[in-house]
Structure formats: C-alpha cells, structure tokens
Protein backbone atom coordinates (compact mmCIF):
# COMPACT_ATOMS: atom_id res chain seq x y z
CA MET A 1 5.82 -5.42 -24.03
CA LYS A 2 8.11 -3.54 -26.39
CA LYS A 3 11.76 -3.33 -25.47
CA SER A 4 11.58 0.41 -24.80
CA LYS A 5 8.67 -0.02 -22.40
CA LYS A 6 10.44 -2.90 -20.66
CA THR A 7 13.58 -0.84 -20.20
CA LYS A 8 11.56 2.09 -18.88
CA LEU A 9 9.65 -0.12 -16.44
CA LEU A 10 12.86 -1.62 -15.05
CA SER A 11 14.18 1.92 -14.61
CA VAL A 12 11.01 2.85 -12.72
CA PHE A 13 11.50 -0.03 -10.36
CA ALA A 14 15.14 0.74 -9.82
CA THR A 15 13.99 4.16 -8.59
CA LEU A 16 11.27 2.53 -6.52
CA SER A 17 13.80 0.15 -4.95
CA LEU A 18 15.90 3.03 -3.72
CA ALA A 19 12.86 4.79 -2.27
CA LEU A 20 11.64 1.68 -0.50
CA ALA A 21 15.08 0.96 0.90
CA ALA A 22 15.16 4.45 2.35
CA CYS A 23 11.74 3.97 3.90
CA SER A 24 11.40 1.75 6.13
CA ASP A 25 6.32 -14.87 -4.81
CA SER A 26 8.56 -17.37 -5.41
CA SER A 27 7.33 -21.01 -5.25
CA SER A 28 10.31 -23.32 -5.22
CA GLY A 29 10.52 -26.51 -7.17
CA GLY A 30 10.57 -29.91 -5.52
CA GLU A 31 8.54 -31.57 -2.83
CA THR A 32 7.81 -29.67 0.36
CA THR A 33 8.00 -31.08 3.86
CA LYS A 34 4.22 -31.00 4.15
CA GLU A 35 3.73 -32.81 0.86
CA LYS A 36 6.11 -35.56 1.93
CA LYS A 37 4.27 -36.00 5.17
CA THR A 38 0.84 -36.18 3.54
CA GLU A 39 1.74 -38.05 0.35
CA GLY A 40 -0.96 -40.47 -0.72
CA GLY A 41 -3.60 -38.66 1.33
CA LYS A 42 -2.02 -39.58 4.66
CA GLY A 43 -1.58 -37.11 7.45
CA GLU A 44 -3.83 -34.74 9.30
CA LYS A 45 -5.48 -31.86 7.49
CA VAL A 46 -4.32 -28.47 8.76
CA THR A 47 -6.35 -25.27 8.89
CA LEU A 48 -4.46 -21.99 8.79
CA ILE A 49 -5.85 -18.62 9.79
CA TYR A 50 -4.77 -15.87 7.41
CA ALA A 51 -5.37 -12.30 8.59
CA ARG A 52 -5.38 -9.17 6.47
CA GLY A 53 -7.44 -6.06 5.91
CA LYS A 54 -10.57 -5.99 3.78
CA ASP A 55 -9.97 -6.92 0.14
CA VAL A 56 -12.44 -5.15 -2.15
CA THR A 57 -11.18 -7.19 -5.12
CA LYS A 58 -11.30 -10.91 -5.95
CA GLY A 59 -7.56 -11.28 -5.52
CA THR A 60 -7.46 -12.94 -2.10
CA ASP A 61 -10.28 -15.40 -2.80
CA LYS A 62 -8.77 -16.46 -6.14
CA MET A 63 -5.31 -16.87 -4.63
CA VAL A 64 -6.57 -18.95 -1.69
CA GLU A 65 -8.63 -21.09 -4.07
CA ALA A 66 -5.55 -21.82 -6.20
CA PHE A 67 -3.43 -22.62 -3.15
CA GLU A 68 -5.95 -25.04 -1.67
CA LYS A 69 -6.28 -26.77 -5.04
CA SER A 70 -2.55 -27.52 -5.09
CA HIS A 71 -2.25 -28.19 -1.33
CA LYS A 72 -5.05 -30.64 -0.53
CA ASN A 73 -4.09 -31.02 3.12
CA ILE A 74 -4.10 -27.32 3.99
CA ASP A 75 -7.25 -25.25 4.37
CA ILE A 76 -7.11 -21.45 4.61
CA LYS A 77 -9.60 -19.48 6.68
CA PHE A 78 -9.58 -15.74 6.07
CA ARG A 79 -9.74 -13.42 9.09
CA GLU A 80 -10.74 -9.91 8.04
CA MET A 81 -8.94 -7.25 10.05
CA PRO A 82 -9.91 -3.56 10.36
CA ALA A 83 -9.51 -1.59 7.12
CA ASP A 84 -7.89 1.18 9.17
CA THR A 85 -4.20 0.21 9.15
CA GLY A 86 -3.62 1.74 12.58
CA GLN A 87 -6.43 -0.30 14.11
CA GLN A 88 -5.17 -3.37 12.27
CA HIS A 89 -1.68 -2.82 13.68
CA ASP A 90 -3.02 -2.44 17.21
CA ALA A 91 -5.12 -5.60 16.90
CA TYR A 92 -2.03 -7.61 15.98
CA VAL A 93 -0.01 -6.08 18.81
CA THR A 94 -2.72 -7.00 21.31
CA ALA A 95 -2.92 -10.59 20.06
CA PHE A 96 0.83 -11.14 19.83
CA ASN A 97 1.56 -9.58 23.20
CA ALA A 98 -0.81 -12.19 24.61
CA LYS A 99 1.22 -14.93 22.80
CA SER A 100 -1.88 -15.87 20.81
CA SER A 101 -1.40 -18.70 18.31
CA GLU A 102 -4.81 -18.25 16.70
CA ILE A 103 -3.54 -16.38 13.63
CA ASP A 104 -0.90 -18.13 11.53
CA VAL A 105 -0.09 -15.82 8.61
CA ILE A 106 -0.51 -12.06 8.54
CA ASP A 107 -0.20 -9.23 6.07
CA MET A 108 2.05 -6.41 7.29
CA ASP A 109 2.24 -2.83 6.14
CA VAL A 110 5.67 -1.94 4.75
CA ILE A 111 6.39 0.09 7.90
CA TRP A 112 5.79 -2.78 10.38
CA PRO A 113 8.38 -5.57 9.83
CA ALA A 114 11.23 -4.06 11.87
CA GLU A 115 8.90 -3.26 14.76
CA PHE A 116 7.32 -6.72 14.73
CA ALA A 117 10.72 -8.40 14.48
CA GLN A 118 12.14 -6.42 17.38
CA ALA A 119 9.05 -7.23 19.46
CA ASP A 120 9.50 -10.95 18.68
CA TYR A 121 6.06 -11.25 17.05
CA VAL A 122 7.07 -12.96 13.81
CA LEU A 123 9.32 -15.80 12.68
CA PRO A 124 12.50 -15.14 10.69
CA LEU A 125 12.10 -16.73 7.27
CA ASP A 126 15.77 -17.32 6.41
CA ARG A 127 15.84 -21.07 7.06
CA PHE A 128 12.71 -21.61 4.97
CA ILE A 129 14.11 -19.47 2.16
CA GLN A 130 17.41 -21.38 2.17
CA GLN A 131 15.72 -24.75 2.49
CA ASP A 132 13.53 -24.17 -0.57
CA GLY A 133 16.10 -22.28 -2.62
CA ILE A 134 14.03 -19.11 -3.02
CA ASP A 135 15.84 -16.67 -5.31
CA LEU A 136 15.48 -13.33 -3.57
CA ASN A 137 17.16 -11.59 -6.50
CA GLU A 138 13.85 -11.90 -8.38
CA TYR A 139 12.25 -9.41 -5.98
CA ASN A 140 12.27 -5.67 -6.00
CA GLN A 141 15.22 -5.16 -3.67
CA GLY A 142 13.80 -2.10 -1.98
CA ALA A 143 10.61 -3.95 -1.09
CA LEU A 144 12.67 -6.91 0.12
CA GLY A 145 14.90 -4.66 2.20
CA ALA A 146 11.91 -3.13 3.98
CA ALA A 147 11.33 -6.56 5.59
CA GLN A 148 14.92 -7.00 6.77
CA PHE A 149 16.07 -6.31 10.31
CA ASN A 150 19.24 -7.29 12.17
CA GLY A 151 20.45 -9.21 9.14
CA LYS A 152 17.37 -11.43 8.86
CA GLN A 153 14.35 -11.62 6.55
CA TRP A 154 11.14 -11.35 8.54
CA ALA A 155 8.59 -11.19 5.72
CA LEU A 156 8.31 -11.43 1.95
CA PRO A 157 6.83 -8.55 -0.07
CA LYS A 158 3.50 -9.26 -1.76
CA PHE A 159 2.92 -6.06 -3.69
CA VAL A 160 4.18 -2.51 -3.92
CA ASP A 161 2.05 0.61 -3.72
CA ALA A 162 2.27 4.27 -4.58
CA GLY A 163 -0.45 6.88 -4.43
CA LEU A 164 -2.03 7.61 -7.82
CA LEU A 165 -4.72 9.87 -9.28
CA PHE A 166 -7.73 8.08 -10.80
CA TYR A 167 -10.32 9.91 -12.86
CA ARG A 168 -13.45 9.43 -14.97
CA LYS A 169 -12.31 9.16 -18.59
CA ASP A 170 -15.85 9.85 -19.76
CA LEU A 171 -15.70 13.24 -18.00
CA VAL A 172 -12.03 14.19 -18.21
CA LYS A 173 -10.23 14.39 -21.54
CA GLU A 174 -6.60 13.33 -21.73
CA ASP A 175 -5.40 16.92 -22.10
CA GLU A 176 -7.52 17.96 -19.10
CA VAL A 177 -5.85 15.63 -16.56
CA PRO A 178 -4.62 17.96 -13.78
CA LYS A 179 -0.89 18.61 -13.73
CA THR A 180 -0.82 20.61 -10.48
CA TRP A 181 -2.87 20.66 -7.29
CA ASP A 182 -4.31 24.04 -8.29
CA ASP A 183 -5.35 22.50 -11.61
CA LEU A 184 -7.02 19.65 -9.75
CA LEU A 185 -9.01 22.02 -7.58
CA ALA A 186 -10.17 23.97 -10.61
CA GLN A 187 -11.10 20.85 -12.61
CA ALA A 188 -12.83 19.26 -9.64
CA LYS A 189 -14.99 22.38 -9.18
CA ALA A 190 -15.78 22.67 -12.90
CA LYS A 191 -16.73 19.03 -13.43
CA ASN A 192 -18.42 18.23 -10.13
CA GLY A 193 -22.03 17.25 -10.85
CA GLN A 194 -21.35 16.00 -14.37
CA GLY A 195 -22.15 12.38 -15.15
CA GLY A 196 -24.06 11.94 -11.91
CA THR A 197 -21.09 12.83 -9.71
CA LYS A 198 -21.50 14.29 -6.24
CA PHE A 199 -17.86 15.10 -5.53
CA GLY A 200 -15.05 16.58 -7.55
CA TYR A 201 -12.28 14.90 -5.57
CA ILE A 202 -11.90 12.34 -2.80
CA MET A 203 -8.85 11.78 -0.61
CA GLN A 204 -8.18 9.85 2.59
CA ALA A 205 -8.60 12.46 5.34
CA LYS A 206 -9.60 10.23 8.26
CA GLN A 207 -7.23 10.37 11.24
CA TYR A 208 -5.24 7.22 10.49
CA GLU A 209 -2.17 6.11 8.52
CA GLY A 210 -3.78 7.00 5.19
CA LEU A 211 -3.84 10.67 6.22
CA VAL A 212 -0.08 10.50 6.79
CA CYS A 213 0.35 9.17 3.24
CA ASN A 214 -1.70 12.04 1.82
CA ALA A 215 0.24 14.54 3.94
CA VAL A 216 3.58 13.14 2.77
CA GLU A 217 2.44 13.59 -0.84
CA PHE A 218 1.49 17.24 -0.40
CA VAL A 219 4.53 18.11 1.70
CA SER A 220 6.98 16.38 -0.66
CA ALA A 221 5.34 17.95 -3.73
CA TYR A 222 6.21 21.37 -2.32
CA GLY A 223 9.74 20.42 -1.26
CA GLY A 224 9.15 19.81 2.44
CA GLN A 225 9.96 16.96 4.81
CA PHE A 226 8.89 15.71 8.21
CA ILE A 227 12.20 14.02 9.08
CA ASN A 228 15.28 14.33 6.89
CA GLU A 229 17.89 11.75 5.83
CA LYS A 230 19.98 12.48 8.95
CA ASN A 231 17.04 11.49 11.16
CA GLU A 232 16.58 15.15 12.12
CA VAL A 233 13.15 16.74 12.54
CA ALA A 234 12.69 19.03 9.55
CA VAL A 235 8.95 19.66 9.64
CA ASN A 236 9.08 23.37 10.51
CA SER A 237 9.93 24.79 7.09
CA PRO A 238 8.21 27.11 4.58
CA GLU A 239 7.97 24.20 2.12
CA THR A 240 6.22 21.88 4.57
CA ILE A 241 3.85 24.66 5.62
CA LYS A 242 2.97 25.40 1.99
CA GLY A 243 2.28 21.74 1.24
CA LEU A 244 0.08 21.27 4.29
CA LYS A 245 -1.81 24.48 3.54
CA LYS A 246 -2.69 23.09 0.11
CA LEU A 247 -3.85 19.82 1.69
CA VAL A 248 -6.03 21.73 4.18
CA GLU A 249 -7.40 23.98 1.44
CA ILE A 250 -8.55 20.98 -0.59
CA ALA A 251 -9.82 19.02 2.43
CA LYS A 252 -11.97 22.01 3.48
CA SER A 253 -13.19 22.84 -0.03
CA ASP A 254 -16.62 22.11 -1.44
CA VAL A 255 -15.23 19.63 -4.00
CA VAL A 256 -14.72 16.88 -1.39
CA PRO A 257 -17.42 15.12 0.68
CA GLY A 258 -18.56 17.08 3.71
CA ASN A 259 -17.53 14.11 5.83
CA VAL A 260 -14.18 13.57 4.10
CA THR A 261 -12.54 13.20 7.51
CA THR A 262 -14.28 9.80 7.76
CA PHE A 263 -12.86 8.59 4.43
CA ALA A 264 -10.25 5.83 4.29
CA GLU A 265 -9.41 3.73 1.21
CA THR A 266 -12.56 1.61 1.42
CA GLU A 267 -14.89 4.63 1.43
CA THR A 268 -12.91 6.21 -1.41
CA ASP A 269 -13.19 3.09 -3.54
CA GLN A 270 -16.91 2.69 -2.87
CA ALA A 271 -17.72 6.26 -3.83
CA TYR A 272 -15.62 6.05 -6.99
CA ILE A 273 -17.06 2.76 -8.28
CA GLU A 274 -20.56 4.09 -7.65
CA GLY A 275 -19.80 6.96 -10.01
CA GLN A 276 -19.88 9.62 -7.32
CA ALA A 277 -16.46 11.20 -7.89
CA VAL A 278 -14.63 12.77 -10.82
CA PHE A 279 -11.15 12.33 -9.29
CA VAL A 280 -9.87 10.16 -6.43
CA ARG A 281 -6.51 9.53 -4.84
CA ASN A 282 -5.92 5.83 -4.12
CA TRP A 283 -3.50 2.94 -4.50
CA PRO A 284 -2.95 0.85 -7.70
CA TYR A 285 -5.65 -1.71 -6.80
CA GLU A 286 -8.27 0.92 -7.59
CA TYR A 287 -7.83 0.28 -11.31
CA ALA A 288 -8.97 -3.34 -11.00
CA SER A 289 -11.70 -2.53 -8.52
CA ALA A 290 -13.19 0.27 -10.62
CA ASN A 291 -13.06 -1.85 -13.79
CA ASP A 292 -14.89 -4.80 -12.22
CA LYS A 293 -18.09 -4.89 -14.30
CA GLU A 294 -19.94 -6.89 -11.65
CA LYS A 295 -19.79 -4.09 -9.09
CA SER A 296 -18.55 -0.88 -10.73
CA LYS A 297 -20.73 1.62 -12.54
CA ILE A 298 -17.72 3.22 -14.24
CA ALA A 299 -15.97 0.11 -15.62
CA GLY A 300 -14.17 0.98 -18.84
CA ASN A 301 -13.97 4.68 -17.96
CA VAL A 302 -11.08 4.56 -15.49
CA GLY A 303 -8.10 6.80 -16.11
CA VAL A 304 -4.84 6.85 -14.12
CA ALA A 305 -2.16 9.51 -13.78
CA PRO A 306 0.56 10.68 -11.40
CA LEU A 307 -0.69 12.76 -8.50
CA PRO A 308 -0.70 16.49 -9.25
CA ALA A 309 2.49 18.46 -8.72
CA GLY A 310 3.39 21.20 -6.29
CA ASP A 311 6.34 23.58 -6.62
CA LYS A 312 8.84 20.70 -6.64
CA GLY A 313 6.89 18.24 -8.78
CA SER A 314 4.69 15.21 -8.21
CA ALA A 315 5.14 12.98 -5.16
CA ALA A 316 3.46 9.70 -4.25
CA ALA A 317 3.59 8.05 -0.85
CA LEU A 318 5.39 4.75 -1.05
CA GLY A 319 3.55 1.78 0.36
CA GLY A 320 3.23 -1.93 0.04
CA TRP A 321 2.35 -5.04 1.99
CA MET A 322 4.34 -8.01 3.23
CA ALA A 323 3.41 -11.46 4.50
CA GLY A 324 4.83 -12.88 7.72
CA ILE A 325 4.30 -15.81 10.11
CA ASN A 326 3.16 -15.47 13.72
CA LYS A 327 5.99 -16.73 15.93
CA ASN A 328 3.46 -18.67 18.02
CA SER A 329 1.77 -20.40 15.07
CA LYS A 330 1.25 -24.10 15.74
CA HIS A 331 1.77 -24.83 12.05
CA PRO A 332 4.88 -22.91 10.94
CA LYS A 333 5.79 -25.29 8.08
CA GLU A 334 2.31 -25.15 6.57
CA ALA A 335 2.22 -21.39 7.17
CA TRP A 336 5.43 -21.10 5.17
CA GLU A 337 3.94 -23.10 2.30
CA PHE A 338 1.05 -20.64 2.12
CA LEU A 339 3.26 -17.56 2.48
CA LYS A 340 5.67 -18.90 -0.17
CA PHE A 341 2.81 -19.44 -2.61
CA MET A 342 1.14 -16.12 -1.87
CA ALA A 343 4.33 -14.06 -2.19
CA GLY A 344 5.70 -16.16 -5.05
CA PRO A 345 5.18 -15.81 -8.81
CA GLU A 346 1.90 -17.75 -8.95
CA GLY A 347 0.27 -15.98 -6.03
CA GLN A 348 1.44 -12.54 -7.10
CA LYS A 349 0.24 -13.18 -10.66
CA ILE A 350 -3.23 -14.11 -9.43
CA ASP A 351 -3.30 -11.04 -7.19
CA ALA A 352 -2.11 -8.80 -10.03
CA ILE A 353 -4.81 -10.08 -12.39
CA TYR A 354 -7.73 -10.18 -9.96
CA GLY A 355 -6.57 -7.76 -7.26
CA GLY A 356 -4.89 -5.09 -9.37
CA HIS A 357 -1.83 -5.07 -7.11
CA ALA A 358 1.58 -4.18 -8.50
CA PRO A 359 3.89 -7.22 -8.10
CA THR A 360 7.23 -7.15 -6.31
CA ILE A 361 8.69 -9.81 -8.62
CA LEU A 362 9.98 -7.83 -11.59
CA LYS A 363 9.64 -10.51 -14.25
CA LEU A 364 5.87 -10.44 -13.77
CA TYR A 365 5.78 -7.04 -15.51
CA GLU A 366 6.58 -8.92 -18.71
CA ASP A 367 3.72 -11.39 -18.24
CA GLN A 368 1.22 -10.80 -21.04
CA GLU A 369 -1.73 -12.19 -19.03
CA ILE A 370 -1.06 -9.67 -16.30
CA LEU A 371 -0.71 -6.81 -18.76
CA LYS A 372 -3.86 -7.86 -20.60
CA ALA A 373 -5.86 -7.97 -17.36
CA ASN A 374 -4.33 -4.80 -15.98
CA PRO A 375 -2.87 -2.68 -18.79
CA THR A 376 -2.29 0.14 -16.33
CA PHE A 377 0.99 -1.60 -15.38
CA ALA A 378 2.31 -0.64 -18.82
CA ASP A 379 0.64 2.78 -18.73
CA LYS A 380 2.94 5.80 -18.71
CA GLY A 381 0.83 7.50 -16.05
CA PHE A 382 1.16 4.45 -13.81
CA GLN A 383 4.90 4.20 -14.39
CA ASP A 384 5.40 7.91 -13.81
CA GLY A 385 3.32 7.67 -10.64
CA LEU A 386 5.51 4.90 -9.24
CA ALA A 387 8.62 6.82 -10.23
CA ALA A 388 7.41 9.73 -8.06
CA ALA A 389 7.24 7.55 -4.94
CA VAL A 390 8.72 8.89 -1.70
CA SER A 391 8.97 7.14 1.65
CA ARG A 392 7.15 8.09 4.78
CA PRO A 393 9.28 9.50 7.63
CA VAL A 394 11.97 7.02 8.61
CA ALA A 395 12.18 6.61 12.38
CA PRO A 396 12.80 3.68 14.75
CA ASN A 397 9.54 4.52 16.53
CA TYR A 398 7.54 5.28 13.40
CA PRO A 399 4.08 4.58 14.91
CA GLU A 400 4.61 7.42 17.41
CA ILE A 401 5.77 9.80 14.68
CA SER A 402 2.80 8.81 12.55
CA GLU A 403 0.39 9.51 15.40
CA ILE A 404 1.83 12.99 15.88
CA ILE A 405 1.32 13.76 12.18
CA GLN A 406 -2.20 12.33 12.19
CA ILE A 407 -3.29 14.36 15.20
CA HIS A 408 -1.98 17.74 14.10
CA VAL A 409 -2.90 17.47 10.42
CA SER A 410 -6.42 16.49 11.55
CA LYS A 411 -6.54 19.52 13.84
CA ALA A 412 -5.45 21.76 10.98
CA ILE A 413 -8.20 20.37 8.73
CA ALA A 414 -10.75 20.86 11.54
CA GLY A 415 -9.60 24.45 12.09
CA GLN A 416 -8.47 23.72 15.64
CA GLU A 417 -4.91 24.74 14.76
CA THR A 418 -3.43 26.85 12.01
CA VAL A 419 -0.98 25.02 9.77
CA GLU A 420 1.83 27.04 11.36
CA GLN A 421 0.73 25.97 14.85
CA ALA A 422 0.39 22.36 13.70
CA VAL A 423 3.93 22.37 12.30
CA GLN A 424 5.37 23.92 15.47
CA ASN A 425 3.60 21.35 17.64
CA MET A 426 4.77 18.50 15.41
CA GLU A 427 8.35 19.77 15.60
CA LYS A 428 8.32 19.88 19.41
CA GLU A 429 6.65 16.48 19.86
CA MET A 430 8.75 14.70 17.22
CA LYS A 431 11.98 15.93 18.77
CA GLU A 432 10.85 14.63 22.16
CA LYS A 433 9.97 11.22 20.69
CA LEU A 434 13.24 10.88 18.79
CA LYS A 435 15.21 11.62 21.98
CA SER A 436 13.38 8.95 23.99
C-alpha cells in the first residue's frame, strides 16, 4: 500500500474509533496452559461449541480448520444461530438465563456486550489478556471500547462493519454510481431489468435489527437523530421525518422486491449473487461473497461505494461483531484459546481473506495477502463508506429502543402509520423507556 493510502486508511479508522466509542486477533507467543497440559499427546480432547449466525462465506470454516490444525486437542463444533440478530440475541438470553453450559464461545453484536456483562452471561477476559500479554493497543480502540463495561473487557472485536452500497459494475458505469438517494431511485428504475435483473435496489426492511440500521442511515443522512448525545429523545424533528419519508418511499417503490419486508442480510446477499439486483445495501462481507466464483453469478462485476447522501451527506450504520465466553462454559481455558486465535491476527487475517470482513487489528490493513484477496479494503469507496459510519442510538436499554424503532418504521412502510405518526409514537414510547 502506498504511504498516502496508508495514512488515509489510518485516518478513516481514527474516525471509526470515535464513532464506535460513542455507540455502544492477537495470538500471544509462548506455550498456553492447554498446550502444557496436553504436551506429547497426553490429556483429554476437548470439544467446544461455537455459536454464531449463518456465515455465507468460507471464513468461519477456514478459521476453524486452521485453529484445529494448531490445537490438536481442541475440536470446534459450529452451532448456527438465527440470521436475524434479534432472534439470535433472544436465543442466547434464553440459554444463559437457564445457566446453560452447552455453548462455550459466542459471537456478539457490537450492541450486546454491556447488556450481557451486566446480566452476568459472559466471562471477563482481563485475566486471560494479562496472562498471555495481549497487546490491546493493536486493536481499533473504538471497537475495543464497545466491549468494555465497568472497567472490564468482556469480549474481543472480530471485525468492524459499516453499511455500504454494492452495485453491478457491468451495468453501472463509474460516473453513474448514485451520489444521493434520489439518484439511486432514478438509477434503480432506469436499470432494473438490464442484465437479467429483477430488482433495482434491495435493502433490509424486515422488522429486525437490520431495519434499525437502515433507518439510522436514512435519518442521519438528512440530519436527524433518534437519541442525541445527551441521551435525550430527539426523534421528533423535521430532519428525522424527512429521512424516514425517503426510506418509506424507496421501500414502497417498484424498484425493490414486493416482499422486501421479509429481507434480511441473507436474502439480500442471495438475490445479489444470483444477479437479481442492480444495487444492494449490505455490510463489507458482501464483496467477498459476491466475488466467490463457486457460487456467485456476478463475480468480477462487484462495485462498492458509500451509501447515497441526503441533505447532510452520506451516513452508514456502524456495526461489528465481538467474541465472548459463556460464563458457564465447562472449558473456559480452551474457550479462551479459541477466542484468542479467532480475534487475533491469524484468525482475523483468515476471515478477511475468505470472509471479506474488515479487521479490527489495524496492521492487517497493510497485509498484502489481505489486500490482494480483498482489494476493496484499499478502495476509496470502501474507505469513504467507513468514514461515514454513525452509531445506532446509545441507550442503556438499547434492545427496547430498537424494538420501538422496528415496530413504528415497519408500520410506516406498511402504511399503517404516517411517518409523522410513527415519529410521534416513537418519541412518546422512547421517553417512557428511558425514564424506567
């Protein structure tokens, strides 16, 4: 990477750190406790259950394969959780409330660590980090901070996300990439049907956390907020109303699937790689998924850009995933070995190459193998998209705030409420929740 690009990328991640901090893999040298115990083939073989949502890439399989190769006495069994992040969250809560020890290591959305720590679901990692000399300064500090609560580290960040616009390069010329949401609507209408496409644009409009991310992007692009920096409800504003009206306009238009309210990330990815859509909104992994020649019909024709702008510019919902250890795991030391590998340089490199995920360890953005496999990480559109990242509403009871947004934005899309009514209802309900 040229020096200028490197400097620009570090600047992007400095911005991203601040955004992540507002919102919400390092393998150590030396012999581990488990390796000492099983040296020479002695010791009992341990099987860990690793739970996460569906991975449409090869990243998880490749990473687990590499871990098992270097840790002969630990087997990893993958437990696929619901793709819907809300359902995934609820499944964990049900299991952990029952003190289940079945799952050992879990992936957590960037908005979960504080909640799970306060509920006593996960182990603090500080003693493991200190014991193995993990250098936390190597991580994106915003991503790291999202997993801190009451002065302790409850998870390690695996990858960072921001919403991006993907498009068919064989259908959309570089100078035709939409700059505004109105441009997108016009381009999506004009190009729908070309190249075998069925849809001009696809977004995540199902009633779940992904809809909140889309809503945050529209609202922020037009200068609105749901909750401001003072933890005050700020949803009832002209800017928020304008942003949500644009979201509803697009979600009800003929450029999106008629059943767009059933679309989450998985459905978006599937339609895009089958060549059905001109434009899609998704997370960075889409680049790797859509360029996988074994499954994608559009490999080699994948373009990436910042999401279109509203009156105040482009905005991308900030996301990311962490790895944590179930407090009731019967194998916490082995679970740490797996988590440390997965969230460390080797695991994140594998996931970046095969999974298309943006690493949280900054030095990996200088790794030529990663850049060769996923040149989008050095792409200006990708960098600009990350730079536009904004956090979801910050609240101590975020799941309740998220549910309020999901319900009323869904009602607005369905025509059951006007956007003005939806905003008024959100304001009333959010204020009640923040008081309780």
